[in-house]
């Protein structure tokens, strides 16, 4: 694993706050997929007029910020564990949503149709969301870990923003074509417009949240007494952490 400021390794440490950061990461991820993945909203921009964007933009980028914190503080191996935990949580959520929606409603319960509209998930969108999350998060974590070495731990903003630019590009480039290309109401131009808008807005969110990222990273590094550099890390998503 990567070496820490205490001379130890990230794989042999019991961290005080890692479980809390992991829980926040998975929670934000699940909420973003339940509440905003499939809705297209609009914002009225000066000079540009009405501009469509995916509603998940309201808080999904926070999962990338937390992903940055995980990699920056705890190293790629711990971030990899968090990504797989999120991946498993998404699959579980999708499976349970399908089961609950499919259960026969009581005779006197009249809200089945509304329930299906809210929680009935289109398999194509679920598949696209899970694939895009998995690929985008691993790319984001890899880029940040490599940039940390290149910058020798300086200029945190360059790697948090730089990794988000690349990771979110992968996420948006996968999700919207996989989920909506050819679907009713989704023209090719709309798919491209929303994907590019999502990428730009998510990157903008990262820039705006940079001061908060600095505060959280600084707090965790001081409390955990660690600063992981992934100098000898196996970056395969499927590698086992030691």
Protein backbone atom coordinates (compact mmCIF):
# COMPACT_ATOMS: atom_id res chain seq x y z
CA UNK A 1 0.00 0.00 0.00
CA UNK A 2 0.99 3.63 -0.10
CA UNK A 3 3.13 4.98 2.70
CA UNK A 4 1.79 7.39 5.32
CA UNK A 5 3.39 10.27 7.20
CA UNK A 6 3.81 8.01 10.21
CA UNK A 7 5.85 5.54 8.19
CA UNK A 8 3.11 2.92 8.30
CA UNK A 9 0.86 1.62 5.58
CA UNK A 10 -2.76 2.41 4.87
CA UNK A 11 -3.72 -1.24 4.89
CA UNK A 12 -2.72 -1.78 8.54
CA UNK A 13 -4.35 1.21 10.21
CA UNK A 14 -7.57 1.39 12.19
CA UNK A 15 -8.87 4.82 11.35
CA UNK A 16 -11.18 6.71 13.67
CA UNK A 17 -13.30 8.46 11.03
CA UNK A 18 -13.09 6.22 7.99
CA UNK A 19 -16.37 4.41 8.72
CA UNK A 20 -18.20 7.74 9.04
CA UNK A 21 -16.81 9.00 5.73
CA UNK A 22 -17.71 5.69 4.09
CA UNK A 23 -21.27 5.91 5.43
CA UNK A 24 -21.63 9.47 4.12
CA UNK A 25 -20.31 8.38 0.73
CA UNK A 26 -22.81 5.53 0.35
CA UNK A 27 -25.71 7.61 1.70
CA UNK A 28 -25.17 10.45 -0.78
CA UNK A 29 -24.75 7.95 -3.59
CA UNK A 30 -28.05 6.18 -2.86
CA UNK A 31 -29.98 9.42 -2.42
CA UNK A 32 -28.68 10.81 -5.69
CA UNK A 33 -29.84 7.74 -7.58
CA UNK A 34 -33.27 7.63 -5.89
CA UNK A 35 -34.10 11.31 -6.20
CA UNK A 36 -32.51 12.72 -9.29
CA UNK A 37 -31.02 10.30 -11.79
CA UNK A 38 -33.85 10.23 -14.33
CA UNK A 39 -35.30 13.74 -14.11
CA UNK A 40 -34.34 16.53 -16.46
CA UNK A 41 -34.91 19.98 -14.96
CA UNK A 42 -34.25 23.39 -16.50
CA UNK A 43 -32.55 26.56 -15.33
CA UNK A 44 -33.00 29.98 -16.90
CA UNK A 45 -29.49 31.25 -17.64
CA UNK A 46 -28.70 34.83 -18.65
CA UNK A 47 -28.21 35.13 -22.42
CA UNK A 48 -28.68 31.38 -22.91
CA UNK A 49 -32.29 31.06 -21.76
CA UNK A 50 -33.70 27.74 -20.55
CA UNK A 51 -30.96 25.13 -20.17
CA UNK A 52 -31.68 21.47 -19.32
CA UNK A 53 -29.76 19.57 -16.65
CA UNK A 54 -30.10 16.32 -14.74
CA UNK A 55 -31.67 16.86 -11.31
CA UNK A 56 -29.12 14.59 -9.65
CA UNK A 57 -26.62 17.44 -10.03
CA UNK A 58 -27.99 18.95 -6.82
CA UNK A 59 -26.04 16.57 -4.60
CA UNK A 60 -24.46 13.74 -6.61
CA UNK A 61 -21.17 15.70 -6.99
CA UNK A 62 -20.87 15.58 -3.20
CA UNK A 63 -20.11 11.86 -3.57
CA UNK A 64 -17.13 12.82 -5.75
CA UNK A 65 -15.95 15.29 -3.12
CA UNK A 66 -16.15 12.56 -0.48
CA UNK A 67 -14.39 10.21 -2.90
CA UNK A 68 -11.60 12.78 -3.20
CA UNK A 69 -11.37 12.98 0.59
CA UNK A 70 -11.17 9.20 0.87
CA UNK A 71 -8.31 8.95 -1.64
CA UNK A 72 -6.45 12.03 -0.41
CA UNK A 73 -6.54 11.09 3.27
CA UNK A 74 -6.81 7.30 3.38
CA UNK A 75 -5.26 6.29 0.05
CA UNK A 76 -6.49 4.49 -3.04
CA UNK A 77 -6.94 1.12 -1.34
CA UNK A 78 -9.45 2.51 1.16
CA UNK A 79 -11.20 4.48 -1.58
CA UNK A 80 -11.44 1.24 -3.56
CA UNK A 81 -13.23 -0.40 -0.65
CA UNK A 82 -15.66 2.51 -0.48
CA UNK A 83 -16.38 2.35 -4.22
CA UNK A 84 -17.12 -1.36 -4.04
CA UNK A 85 -19.35 -0.75 -1.00
CA UNK A 86 -21.25 1.86 -2.99
CA UNK A 87 -21.47 -0.49 -5.96
CA UNK A 88 -22.93 -3.25 -3.79
CA UNK A 89 -25.35 -0.80 -2.14
CA UNK A 90 -26.63 0.35 -5.54
CA UNK A 91 -27.27 -3.23 -6.65
CA UNK A 92 -29.03 -4.05 -3.37
CA UNK A 93 -31.15 -0.91 -3.60
CA UNK A 94 -32.17 -1.70 -7.18
CA UNK A 95 -33.05 -5.29 -6.26
CA UNK A 96 -35.10 -4.33 -3.23
CA UNK A 97 -36.90 -1.58 -5.16
CA UNK A 98 -37.90 -4.14 -7.78
CA UNK A 99 -39.15 -6.58 -5.12
CA UNK A 100 -41.14 -3.98 -3.19
CA UNK A 101 -42.76 -2.53 -6.31
CA UNK A 102 -43.64 -6.02 -7.54
CA UNK A 103 -45.33 -7.05 -4.27
CA UNK A 104 -49.12 -7.26 -4.71
CA UNK A 105 -50.74 -4.21 -3.06
CA UNK A 106 -53.47 -4.54 -0.47
CA UNK A 107 -57.00 -4.30 -1.84
CA UNK A 108 -57.73 -1.00 -0.07
CA UNK A 109 -54.34 0.59 -0.88
CA UNK A 110 -54.75 3.05 -3.76
CA UNK A 111 -51.24 4.44 -4.17
CA UNK A 112 -49.63 1.62 -6.17
CA UNK A 113 -49.41 3.60 -9.39
CA UNK A 114 -47.81 6.59 -7.66
CA UNK A 115 -45.42 4.28 -5.81
CA UNK A 116 -44.38 2.66 -9.08
CA UNK A 117 -43.77 6.05 -10.65
CA UNK A 118 -41.45 7.04 -7.82
CA UNK A 119 -39.64 3.79 -7.07
CA UNK A 120 -40.20 1.69 -10.17
CA UNK A 121 -36.79 1.77 -11.79
CA UNK A 122 -36.17 1.21 -15.47
CA UNK A 123 -33.54 -1.58 -15.70
CA UNK A 124 -31.67 0.33 -18.41
CA UNK A 125 -31.27 3.40 -16.19
CA UNK A 126 -30.21 1.29 -13.22
CA UNK A 127 -27.60 -0.50 -15.31
CA UNK A 128 -26.29 2.79 -16.76
CA UNK A 129 -26.11 4.41 -13.32
CA UNK A 130 -24.18 1.55 -11.74
CA UNK A 131 -21.71 1.24 -14.63
CA UNK A 132 -21.14 5.00 -14.84
CA UNK A 133 -20.63 5.29 -11.08
CA UNK A 134 -18.18 2.39 -10.95
CA UNK A 135 -16.05 3.58 -13.86
CA UNK A 136 -16.17 7.28 -13.00
CA UNK A 137 -15.28 6.83 -9.34
CA UNK A 138 -12.34 4.52 -10.04
CA UNK A 139 -10.99 6.91 -12.66
CA UNK A 140 -11.46 9.84 -10.26
CA UNK A 141 -9.63 8.04 -7.45
CA UNK A 142 -6.81 6.84 -9.71
CA UNK A 143 -6.17 10.29 -11.19
CA UNK A 144 -6.15 11.94 -7.76
CA UNK A 145 -3.77 9.36 -6.30
CA UNK A 146 -1.35 9.69 -9.22
CA UNK A 147 -1.52 13.49 -9.19
CA UNK A 148 -0.78 13.52 -5.46
CA UNK A 149 2.52 11.82 -6.20
CA UNK A 150 3.28 14.12 -9.12
CA UNK A 151 2.59 17.24 -7.02
CA UNK A 152 4.36 15.78 -3.97
CA UNK A 153 1.25 16.41 -1.90
CA UNK A 154 1.12 20.11 -2.69
CA UNK A 155 -1.67 22.08 -4.39
CA UNK A 156 -4.58 19.92 -3.30
CA UNK A 157 -6.97 21.90 -5.51
CA UNK A 158 -5.21 20.80 -8.69
CA UNK A 159 -5.86 17.13 -8.06
CA UNK A 160 -9.36 17.43 -6.62
CA UNK A 161 -10.50 19.48 -9.60
CA UNK A 162 -8.35 17.63 -12.12
CA UNK A 163 -9.57 14.21 -11.01
CA UNK A 164 -13.18 15.41 -11.10
CA UNK A 165 -12.79 16.74 -14.64
CA UNK A 166 -11.66 13.31 -15.82
CA UNK A 167 -13.87 11.18 -13.57
CA UNK A 168 -17.05 13.13 -14.25
CA UNK A 169 -16.31 13.09 -17.97
CA UNK A 170 -16.24 9.30 -17.85
CA UNK A 171 -19.38 9.19 -15.69
CA UNK A 172 -21.44 11.50 -17.92
CA UNK A 173 -20.14 9.98 -21.15
CA UNK A 174 -21.31 6.55 -19.99
CA UNK A 175 -24.52 7.27 -18.10
CA UNK A 176 -26.55 9.40 -20.48
CA UNK A 177 -25.94 7.47 -23.70
CA UNK A 178 -26.43 4.13 -21.92
CA UNK A 179 -29.56 5.31 -20.10
CA UNK A 180 -31.33 7.49 -22.64
CA UNK A 181 -29.94 7.21 -26.18
CA UNK A 182 -32.86 6.30 -28.41
CA UNK A 183 -35.41 6.53 -25.57
CA UNK A 184 -38.70 8.37 -26.09
CA UNK A 185 -38.21 12.11 -25.78
CA UNK A 186 -34.44 11.84 -25.77
CA UNK A 187 -32.96 13.09 -29.03
CA UNK A 188 -29.27 12.69 -29.70
CA UNK A 189 -28.81 16.43 -29.25
CA UNK A 190 -30.57 16.32 -25.87
CA UNK A 191 -28.42 13.40 -24.68
CA UNK A 192 -25.24 15.24 -25.66
CA UNK A 193 -26.43 18.56 -24.22
CA UNK A 194 -27.44 17.07 -20.87
CA UNK A 195 -24.25 14.98 -20.65
CA UNK A 196 -22.02 17.99 -21.33
CA UNK A 197 -24.06 20.17 -18.97
CA UNK A 198 -23.78 17.56 -16.22
CA UNK A 199 -20.04 17.36 -16.70
CA UNK A 200 -19.62 21.14 -16.58
CA UNK A 201 -21.93 21.64 -13.60
CA UNK A 202 -20.42 18.79 -11.57
CA UNK A 203 -16.94 20.18 -12.19
CA UNK A 204 -18.21 23.60 -11.18
CA UNK A 205 -19.60 22.11 -7.97
CA UNK A 206 -16.16 20.68 -7.24
CA UNK A 207 -14.59 24.11 -7.68
CA UNK A 208 -17.16 25.76 -5.39
CA UNK A 209 -16.72 23.08 -2.73
CA UNK A 210 -12.91 23.27 -2.78
CA UNK A 211 -12.71 25.35 0.44
CA UNK A 212 -14.88 22.76 2.21
CA UNK A 213 -12.71 19.96 0.82
CA UNK A 214 -9.62 21.68 2.25
CA UNK A 215 -11.27 21.93 5.68
CA UNK A 216 -12.37 18.29 5.75
CA UNK A 217 -9.06 16.96 4.44
CA UNK A 218 -7.07 19.06 6.91
CA UNK A 219 -9.27 17.97 9.81
CA UNK A 220 -9.04 14.27 8.96
CA UNK A 221 -5.29 14.29 8.33
CA UNK A 222 -4.69 15.95 11.70
CA UNK A 223 -7.01 13.63 13.60
CA UNK A 224 -5.97 10.43 11.84
CA UNK A 225 -2.27 11.46 11.81
CA UNK A 226 -1.82 10.06 8.34
CA UNK A 227 -1.24 11.26 4.78
CA UNK A 228 -1.13 8.39 2.30
CA UNK A 229 0.99 8.48 -0.86
CA UNK A 230 0.20 5.58 -3.21
CA UNK A 231 3.77 5.05 -4.35
CA UNK A 232 3.58 1.25 -4.52
CA UNK A 233 -0.17 0.67 -4.77
CA UNK A 234 -1.78 -1.85 -7.09
CA UNK A 235 -4.37 0.33 -8.84
CA UNK A 236 -6.44 -2.51 -10.23
CA UNK A 237 -10.08 -2.17 -9.10
CA UNK A 238 -10.01 -5.90 -8.37
CA UNK A 239 -6.85 -6.03 -6.26
CA UNK A 240 -7.18 -7.18 -2.67
CA UNK A 241 -6.21 -4.71 0.03
CA UNK A 242 -3.64 -5.94 2.50
